[in-house]
């Protein structure tokens, strides 16, 4: 069974490993490798930011991915982002973890997905998001 737990600072090595995975980078808005110190600084600030909710998805207590919700005051919604661990890809894990967070938040949600990222499109649709527009090779999904 899939569950979400809050990220702690001690999760930084795993999160960095997943972030720097080649497939993850290719499907991210920012494709460059992330340096350790830069990642640690980002995570420290993210954990202190009340507008960010970061979770590790686990199945049978094994980490299988991460999902994040960033509150946008101007739009009064959450922007979601996610990464499925390389070992968990292709098993429906991403769909379950994003849907779990969408259900938990129970509010206005959106996601921005690079054009061509078929797996994330399927994840967004499974979570109840619909394509609203495409602009500059970015697909914009929301549940409103």
N, C-alpha and C. Protein backbone atom coordinates (compact mmCIF):
# COMPACT_ATOMS: atom_id res chain seq x y z
N UNK A 1 0.84 -1.19 0.00
CA UNK A 1 0.00 0.00 0.00
C UNK A 1 0.88 1.25 0.00
N UNK A 2 0.51 2.22 -0.80
CA UNK A 2 1.28 3.45 -0.91
C UNK A 2 0.87 4.43 0.19
N UNK A 3 1.88 5.08 0.77
CA UNK A 3 1.62 6.12 1.77
C UNK A 3 2.56 7.29 1.50
N UNK A 4 2.18 8.45 2.01
CA UNK A 4 3.03 9.64 1.91
C UNK A 4 3.50 10.01 3.30
N UNK A 5 4.78 10.35 3.39
CA UNK A 5 5.31 10.89 4.65
C UNK A 5 6.04 12.18 4.33
N UNK A 6 6.05 13.08 5.31
CA UNK A 6 6.73 14.36 5.12
C UNK A 6 8.23 14.13 4.92
N UNK A 7 8.81 14.89 4.02
CA UNK A 7 10.25 14.86 3.80
C UNK A 7 10.94 15.46 5.02
N UNK A 8 12.08 14.90 5.37
CA UNK A 8 12.96 15.50 6.39
C UNK A 8 14.28 15.85 5.72
N UNK A 9 15.08 16.65 6.40
CA UNK A 9 16.36 17.03 5.82
C UNK A 9 17.24 15.81 5.56
N UNK A 10 17.08 14.78 6.37
CA UNK A 10 17.89 13.57 6.21
C UNK A 10 17.59 12.83 4.91
N UNK A 11 16.52 13.20 4.23
CA UNK A 11 16.18 12.59 2.94
C UNK A 11 16.99 13.19 1.78
N UNK A 12 17.83 14.19 2.05
CA UNK A 12 18.48 14.90 0.95
C UNK A 12 19.26 13.99 0.00
N UNK A 13 20.02 12.96 0.48
CA UNK A 13 20.77 12.17 -0.50
C UNK A 13 19.87 11.44 -1.50
N UNK A 14 18.77 10.90 -1.02
CA UNK A 14 17.85 10.18 -1.89
C UNK A 14 17.18 11.14 -2.87
N UNK A 15 16.72 12.28 -2.37
CA UNK A 15 16.09 13.26 -3.24
C UNK A 15 17.05 13.77 -4.30
N UNK A 16 18.29 13.99 -3.93
CA UNK A 16 19.29 14.45 -4.90
C UNK A 16 19.57 13.38 -5.95
N UNK A 17 19.67 12.14 -5.50
CA UNK A 17 19.89 11.03 -6.45
C UNK A 17 18.75 10.98 -7.47
N UNK A 18 17.51 11.06 -7.00
CA UNK A 18 16.38 11.02 -7.91
C UNK A 18 16.36 12.25 -8.81
N UNK A 19 16.67 13.42 -8.27
CA UNK A 19 16.65 14.67 -9.05
C UNK A 19 17.69 14.64 -10.16
N UNK A 20 18.85 14.04 -9.89
CA UNK A 20 19.92 14.02 -10.88
C UNK A 20 19.86 12.82 -11.82
N UNK A 21 18.86 11.96 -11.64
CA UNK A 21 18.66 10.85 -12.57
C UNK A 21 18.45 11.43 -13.97
N UNK A 22 19.07 10.79 -14.97
CA UNK A 22 19.02 11.33 -16.33
C UNK A 22 17.60 11.49 -16.86
N UNK A 23 16.74 10.50 -16.67
CA UNK A 23 15.37 10.61 -17.17
C UNK A 23 14.61 11.72 -16.45
N UNK A 24 14.83 11.84 -15.15
CA UNK A 24 14.19 12.92 -14.40
C UNK A 24 14.63 14.27 -14.94
N UNK A 25 15.93 14.44 -15.14
CA UNK A 25 16.44 15.72 -15.66
C UNK A 25 15.89 16.02 -17.05
N UNK A 26 15.82 15.01 -17.90
CA UNK A 26 15.32 15.22 -19.26
C UNK A 26 13.87 15.67 -19.26
N UNK A 27 13.11 15.29 -18.24
CA UNK A 27 11.70 15.65 -18.17
C UNK A 27 11.42 16.85 -17.28
N UNK A 28 12.48 17.46 -16.75
CA UNK A 28 12.33 18.62 -15.87
C UNK A 28 12.47 19.91 -16.68
N UNK A 29 11.94 21.00 -16.13
CA UNK A 29 12.13 22.31 -16.75
C UNK A 29 13.60 22.69 -16.72
N UNK A 30 14.30 22.29 -15.67
CA UNK A 30 15.74 22.54 -15.53
C UNK A 30 16.46 21.20 -15.67
N UNK A 31 17.28 21.07 -16.70
CA UNK A 31 17.88 19.78 -17.02
C UNK A 31 19.30 19.60 -16.49
N UNK A 32 19.87 20.64 -15.92
CA UNK A 32 21.25 20.56 -15.44
C UNK A 32 21.34 19.70 -14.18
N UNK A 33 22.51 19.09 -13.98
CA UNK A 33 22.78 18.39 -12.73
C UNK A 33 22.72 19.39 -11.58
N UNK A 34 22.20 18.94 -10.45
CA UNK A 34 22.13 19.79 -9.26
C UNK A 34 23.28 19.40 -8.33
N UNK A 35 24.05 20.39 -7.90
CA UNK A 35 25.17 20.15 -6.98
C UNK A 35 24.67 19.88 -5.57
N UNK A 36 25.43 19.11 -4.81
CA UNK A 36 25.03 18.72 -3.46
C UNK A 36 24.71 19.92 -2.58
N UNK A 37 25.61 20.88 -2.51
CA UNK A 37 25.38 22.03 -1.62
C UNK A 37 24.17 22.85 -2.05
N UNK A 38 24.00 23.00 -3.35
CA UNK A 38 22.84 23.73 -3.86
C UNK A 38 21.55 23.01 -3.47
N UNK A 39 21.57 21.69 -3.61
CA UNK A 39 20.39 20.89 -3.25
C UNK A 39 20.09 20.99 -1.76
N UNK A 40 21.11 20.88 -0.93
CA UNK A 40 20.91 20.98 0.52
C UNK A 40 20.33 22.33 0.90
N UNK A 41 20.86 23.40 0.30
CA UNK A 41 20.33 24.74 0.59
C UNK A 41 18.88 24.87 0.16
N UNK A 42 18.57 24.35 -1.04
CA UNK A 42 17.19 24.40 -1.51
C UNK A 42 16.28 23.64 -0.55
N UNK A 43 16.68 22.43 -0.17
CA UNK A 43 15.84 21.61 0.70
C UNK A 43 15.65 22.27 2.06
N UNK A 44 16.70 22.82 2.61
CA UNK A 44 16.60 23.51 3.91
C UNK A 44 15.54 24.61 3.84
N UNK A 45 15.61 25.44 2.80
CA UNK A 45 14.64 26.53 2.66
C UNK A 45 13.24 26.00 2.34
N UNK A 46 13.15 24.96 1.55
CA UNK A 46 11.85 24.39 1.21
C UNK A 46 11.15 23.85 2.45
N UNK A 47 11.91 23.21 3.33
CA UNK A 47 11.33 22.66 4.54
C UNK A 47 10.87 23.75 5.51
N UNK A 48 11.47 24.94 5.41
CA UNK A 48 11.09 26.07 6.26
C UNK A 48 9.93 26.87 5.68
N UNK A 49 9.58 26.62 4.43
CA UNK A 49 8.56 27.38 3.72
C UNK A 49 7.19 26.76 3.96
N UNK A 50 6.32 27.48 4.65
CA UNK A 50 4.99 26.93 4.97
C UNK A 50 4.13 26.75 3.73
N UNK A 51 4.51 27.34 2.62
CA UNK A 51 3.76 27.19 1.38
C UNK A 51 4.15 25.97 0.58
N UNK A 52 5.16 25.23 1.04
CA UNK A 52 5.60 24.03 0.34
C UNK A 52 5.27 22.80 1.18
N UNK A 53 4.75 21.80 0.51
CA UNK A 53 4.51 20.51 1.15
C UNK A 53 5.30 19.47 0.35
N UNK A 54 6.27 18.85 1.01
CA UNK A 54 7.12 17.85 0.35
C UNK A 54 6.89 16.49 1.01
N UNK A 55 6.70 15.49 0.17
CA UNK A 55 6.44 14.15 0.66
C UNK A 55 7.31 13.12 -0.06
N UNK A 56 7.63 12.07 0.67
CA UNK A 56 8.21 10.87 0.09
C UNK A 56 7.07 9.86 0.02
N UNK A 57 6.91 9.26 -1.15
CA UNK A 57 5.94 8.18 -1.29
C UNK A 57 6.65 6.87 -0.96
N UNK A 58 5.99 6.03 -0.18
CA UNK A 58 6.56 4.74 0.21
C UNK A 58 5.55 3.63 -0.05
N UNK A 59 6.07 2.50 -0.50
CA UNK A 59 5.28 1.28 -0.60
C UNK A 59 5.98 0.24 0.24
N UNK A 60 5.25 -0.28 1.22
CA UNK A 60 5.83 -1.23 2.18
C UNK A 60 7.11 -0.67 2.80
N UNK A 61 7.05 0.63 3.15
CA UNK A 61 8.14 1.36 3.81
C UNK A 61 9.37 1.54 2.93
N UNK A 62 9.25 1.29 1.63
CA UNK A 62 10.35 1.50 0.69
C UNK A 62 10.05 2.78 -0.10
N UNK A 63 10.97 3.76 -0.09
CA UNK A 63 10.76 4.99 -0.86
C UNK A 63 10.66 4.71 -2.36
N UNK A 64 9.61 5.24 -2.98
CA UNK A 64 9.37 4.99 -4.40
C UNK A 64 9.20 6.26 -5.21
N UNK A 65 9.23 7.42 -4.55
CA UNK A 65 9.09 8.67 -5.28
C UNK A 65 8.87 9.82 -4.33
N UNK A 66 8.76 10.98 -4.94
CA UNK A 66 8.51 12.19 -4.16
C UNK A 66 7.48 13.04 -4.89
N UNK A 67 6.68 13.75 -4.13
CA UNK A 67 5.69 14.66 -4.69
C UNK A 67 5.68 15.93 -3.85
N UNK A 68 5.53 17.05 -4.55
CA UNK A 68 5.60 18.35 -3.87
C UNK A 68 4.44 19.22 -4.32
N UNK A 69 3.91 19.99 -3.38
CA UNK A 69 2.86 20.96 -3.66
C UNK A 69 3.32 22.32 -3.18
N UNK A 70 3.39 23.28 -4.11
CA UNK A 70 3.79 24.64 -3.79
C UNK A 70 2.57 25.55 -3.89
N UNK A 71 2.20 26.18 -2.77
CA UNK A 71 1.03 27.05 -2.78
C UNK A 71 1.36 28.36 -3.49
N UNK A 72 0.47 28.77 -4.39
CA UNK A 72 0.60 30.02 -5.13
C UNK A 72 -0.51 30.95 -4.66
N UNK A 73 -0.15 31.95 -3.87
CA UNK A 73 -1.16 32.86 -3.32
C UNK A 73 -1.90 33.62 -4.41
N UNK A 74 -1.19 34.02 -5.45
CA UNK A 74 -1.82 34.81 -6.51
C UNK A 74 -2.92 34.02 -7.22
N UNK A 75 -2.70 32.74 -7.42
CA UNK A 75 -3.69 31.91 -8.12
C UNK A 75 -4.56 31.10 -7.15
N UNK A 76 -4.24 31.15 -5.87
CA UNK A 76 -4.96 30.40 -4.84
C UNK A 76 -5.06 28.92 -5.22
N UNK A 77 -3.90 28.35 -5.57
CA UNK A 77 -3.85 26.94 -5.92
C UNK A 77 -2.49 26.37 -5.55
N UNK A 78 -2.36 25.07 -5.77
CA UNK A 78 -1.08 24.39 -5.56
C UNK A 78 -0.51 23.93 -6.90
N UNK A 79 0.76 24.20 -7.11
CA UNK A 79 1.48 23.68 -8.26
C UNK A 79 2.17 22.40 -7.82
N UNK A 80 1.85 21.29 -8.49
CA UNK A 80 2.42 20.00 -8.14
C UNK A 80 3.64 19.69 -8.99
N UNK A 81 4.57 18.98 -8.39
CA UNK A 81 5.68 18.39 -9.13
C UNK A 81 5.98 17.04 -8.48
N UNK A 82 6.54 16.13 -9.26
CA UNK A 82 6.78 14.79 -8.75
C UNK A 82 7.92 14.12 -9.49
N UNK A 83 8.47 13.13 -8.82
CA UNK A 83 9.51 12.27 -9.39
C UNK A 83 9.26 10.86 -8.90
N UNK A 84 9.20 9.95 -9.83
CA UNK A 84 9.10 8.54 -9.47
C UNK A 84 10.51 7.97 -9.49
N UNK A 85 10.87 7.21 -8.46
CA UNK A 85 12.22 6.64 -8.42
C UNK A 85 12.44 5.75 -9.64
N UNK A 86 13.67 5.68 -10.13
CA UNK A 86 13.94 4.84 -11.30
C UNK A 86 13.47 3.40 -11.13
N UNK A 87 13.59 2.84 -9.95
CA UNK A 87 13.18 1.45 -9.71
C UNK A 87 11.67 1.26 -9.72
N UNK A 88 10.91 2.33 -9.52
CA UNK A 88 9.45 2.22 -9.41
C UNK A 88 8.72 2.64 -10.69
N UNK A 89 9.45 3.07 -11.69
CA UNK A 89 8.81 3.55 -12.92
C UNK A 89 8.10 2.41 -13.65
N UNK A 90 7.01 2.79 -14.32
CA UNK A 90 6.27 1.84 -15.13
C UNK A 90 5.37 0.90 -14.36
N UNK A 91 5.16 1.18 -13.08
CA UNK A 91 4.36 0.30 -12.22
C UNK A 91 3.11 0.99 -11.67
N UNK A 92 2.81 2.19 -12.17
CA UNK A 92 1.65 2.93 -11.67
C UNK A 92 1.91 3.70 -10.39
N UNK A 93 3.15 3.70 -9.93
CA UNK A 93 3.51 4.36 -8.67
C UNK A 93 3.25 5.86 -8.75
N UNK A 94 3.70 6.49 -9.82
CA UNK A 94 3.50 7.93 -9.97
C UNK A 94 2.03 8.30 -9.94
N UNK A 95 1.20 7.52 -10.60
CA UNK A 95 -0.24 7.79 -10.60
C UNK A 95 -0.79 7.74 -9.19
N UNK A 96 -0.42 6.71 -8.44
CA UNK A 96 -0.96 6.55 -7.09
C UNK A 96 -0.47 7.65 -6.15
N UNK A 97 0.81 8.02 -6.24
CA UNK A 97 1.31 9.01 -5.28
C UNK A 97 0.75 10.40 -5.57
N UNK A 98 0.61 10.77 -6.83
CA UNK A 98 0.06 12.09 -7.15
C UNK A 98 -1.43 12.13 -6.82
N UNK A 99 -2.15 11.08 -7.14
CA UNK A 99 -3.59 11.03 -6.81
C UNK A 99 -3.79 11.10 -5.29
N UNK A 100 -2.92 10.44 -4.55
CA UNK A 100 -3.02 10.48 -3.08
C UNK A 100 -2.86 11.91 -2.58
N UNK A 101 -1.89 12.64 -3.13
CA UNK A 101 -1.69 14.03 -2.69
C UNK A 101 -2.85 14.92 -3.14
N UNK A 102 -3.33 14.75 -4.36
CA UNK A 102 -4.47 15.55 -4.83
C UNK A 102 -5.67 15.33 -3.91
N UNK A 103 -5.93 14.09 -3.56
CA UNK A 103 -7.05 13.79 -2.65
C UNK A 103 -6.82 14.39 -1.27
N UNK A 104 -5.58 14.36 -0.80
CA UNK A 104 -5.25 14.91 0.51
C UNK A 104 -5.45 16.43 0.54
N UNK A 105 -5.01 17.10 -0.51
CA UNK A 105 -5.12 18.56 -0.56
C UNK A 105 -6.57 19.00 -0.78
N UNK A 106 -7.29 18.28 -1.65
CA UNK A 106 -8.71 18.55 -1.89
C UNK A 106 -8.98 20.02 -2.19
N UNK A 107 -8.22 20.58 -3.13
CA UNK A 107 -8.37 21.98 -3.49
C UNK A 107 -7.95 22.17 -4.94
N UNK A 108 -7.76 23.42 -5.34
CA UNK A 108 -7.34 23.73 -6.71
C UNK A 108 -5.88 23.31 -6.92
N UNK A 109 -5.66 22.53 -7.98
CA UNK A 109 -4.35 21.95 -8.27
C UNK A 109 -4.01 22.22 -9.73
N UNK A 110 -2.72 22.43 -9.99
CA UNK A 110 -2.26 22.50 -11.38
C UNK A 110 -0.88 21.86 -11.49
N UNK A 111 -0.50 21.58 -12.72
CA UNK A 111 0.82 20.99 -12.99
C UNK A 111 1.29 21.49 -14.35
N UNK A 112 2.60 21.64 -14.47
CA UNK A 112 3.23 22.03 -15.73
C UNK A 112 4.14 20.88 -16.15
N UNK A 113 3.90 20.35 -17.36
CA UNK A 113 4.61 19.17 -17.82
C UNK A 113 5.25 19.47 -19.17
N UNK A 114 6.52 19.09 -19.31
CA UNK A 114 7.19 19.28 -20.59
C UNK A 114 6.50 18.45 -21.66
N UNK A 115 6.29 19.06 -22.81
CA UNK A 115 5.72 18.36 -23.94
C UNK A 115 6.57 17.12 -24.24
N UNK A 116 5.93 16.00 -24.49
CA UNK A 116 6.64 14.76 -24.77
C UNK A 116 6.80 13.86 -23.56
N UNK A 117 6.50 14.36 -22.36
CA UNK A 117 6.61 13.56 -21.14
C UNK A 117 5.30 12.79 -20.95
N UNK A 118 5.15 11.73 -21.72
CA UNK A 118 3.91 10.95 -21.74
C UNK A 118 3.57 10.37 -20.38
N UNK A 119 4.57 9.90 -19.65
CA UNK A 119 4.31 9.29 -18.34
C UNK A 119 3.66 10.31 -17.39
N UNK A 120 4.19 11.53 -17.36
CA UNK A 120 3.63 12.54 -16.46
C UNK A 120 2.25 13.01 -16.91
N UNK A 121 2.01 13.02 -18.22
CA UNK A 121 0.68 13.35 -18.71
C UNK A 121 -0.33 12.33 -18.18
N UNK A 122 0.01 11.05 -18.27
CA UNK A 122 -0.88 10.00 -17.76
C UNK A 122 -1.09 10.13 -16.26
N UNK A 123 -0.03 10.50 -15.53
CA UNK A 123 -0.14 10.70 -14.08
C UNK A 123 -1.10 11.84 -13.78
N UNK A 124 -0.94 12.97 -14.46
CA UNK A 124 -1.80 14.14 -14.24
C UNK A 124 -3.26 13.79 -14.53
N UNK A 125 -3.49 13.11 -15.63
CA UNK A 125 -4.87 12.74 -15.99
C UNK A 125 -5.46 11.79 -14.97
N UNK A 126 -4.69 10.82 -14.51
CA UNK A 126 -5.16 9.88 -13.49
C UNK A 126 -5.54 10.60 -12.20
N UNK A 127 -4.81 11.67 -11.89
CA UNK A 127 -5.07 12.44 -10.66
C UNK A 127 -6.24 13.41 -10.82
N UNK A 128 -6.86 13.43 -11.99
CA UNK A 128 -8.04 14.28 -12.19
C UNK A 128 -7.75 15.63 -12.81
N UNK A 129 -6.54 15.82 -13.32
CA UNK A 129 -6.19 17.08 -13.97
C UNK A 129 -6.44 16.97 -15.47
N UNK A 130 -6.84 18.08 -16.07
CA UNK A 130 -7.08 18.09 -17.51
C UNK A 130 -6.20 19.14 -18.18
N UNK A 131 -5.83 18.86 -19.42
CA UNK A 131 -4.98 19.77 -20.19
C UNK A 131 -5.77 21.03 -20.51
N UNK A 132 -5.21 22.17 -20.15
CA UNK A 132 -5.86 23.46 -20.41
C UNK A 132 -5.23 24.17 -21.60
N UNK A 133 -3.91 24.07 -21.74
CA UNK A 133 -3.25 24.72 -22.87
C UNK A 133 -1.82 24.19 -23.00
N UNK A 134 -1.23 24.47 -24.15
CA UNK A 134 0.19 24.19 -24.37
C UNK A 134 0.83 25.48 -24.83
N UNK A 135 1.95 25.81 -24.23
CA UNK A 135 2.66 27.04 -24.58
C UNK A 135 4.16 26.79 -24.46
N UNK A 136 4.88 27.05 -25.52
CA UNK A 136 6.34 26.94 -25.51
C UNK A 136 6.82 25.57 -25.01
N UNK A 137 6.18 24.51 -25.52
CA UNK A 137 6.53 23.12 -25.20
C UNK A 137 6.25 22.73 -23.75
N UNK A 138 5.36 23.46 -23.09
CA UNK A 138 4.92 23.14 -21.74
C UNK A 138 3.41 22.91 -21.77
N UNK A 139 2.98 21.78 -21.18
CA UNK A 139 1.56 21.46 -21.08
C UNK A 139 1.06 21.90 -19.71
N UNK A 140 -0.04 22.64 -19.70
CA UNK A 140 -0.59 23.17 -18.46
C UNK A 140 -1.87 22.40 -18.12
N UNK A 141 -1.84 21.73 -16.98
CA UNK A 141 -2.95 20.93 -16.49
C UNK A 141 -3.52 21.56 -15.21
N UNK A 142 -4.81 21.36 -14.98
CA UNK A 142 -5.40 21.75 -13.70
C UNK A 142 -6.68 20.96 -13.47
N UNK A 143 -7.19 21.06 -12.25
CA UNK A 143 -8.47 20.44 -11.92
C UNK A 143 -9.57 21.49 -11.81
N UNK A 144 -9.33 22.66 -12.38
CA UNK A 144 -10.35 23.72 -12.36
C UNK A 144 -10.40 24.41 -13.70
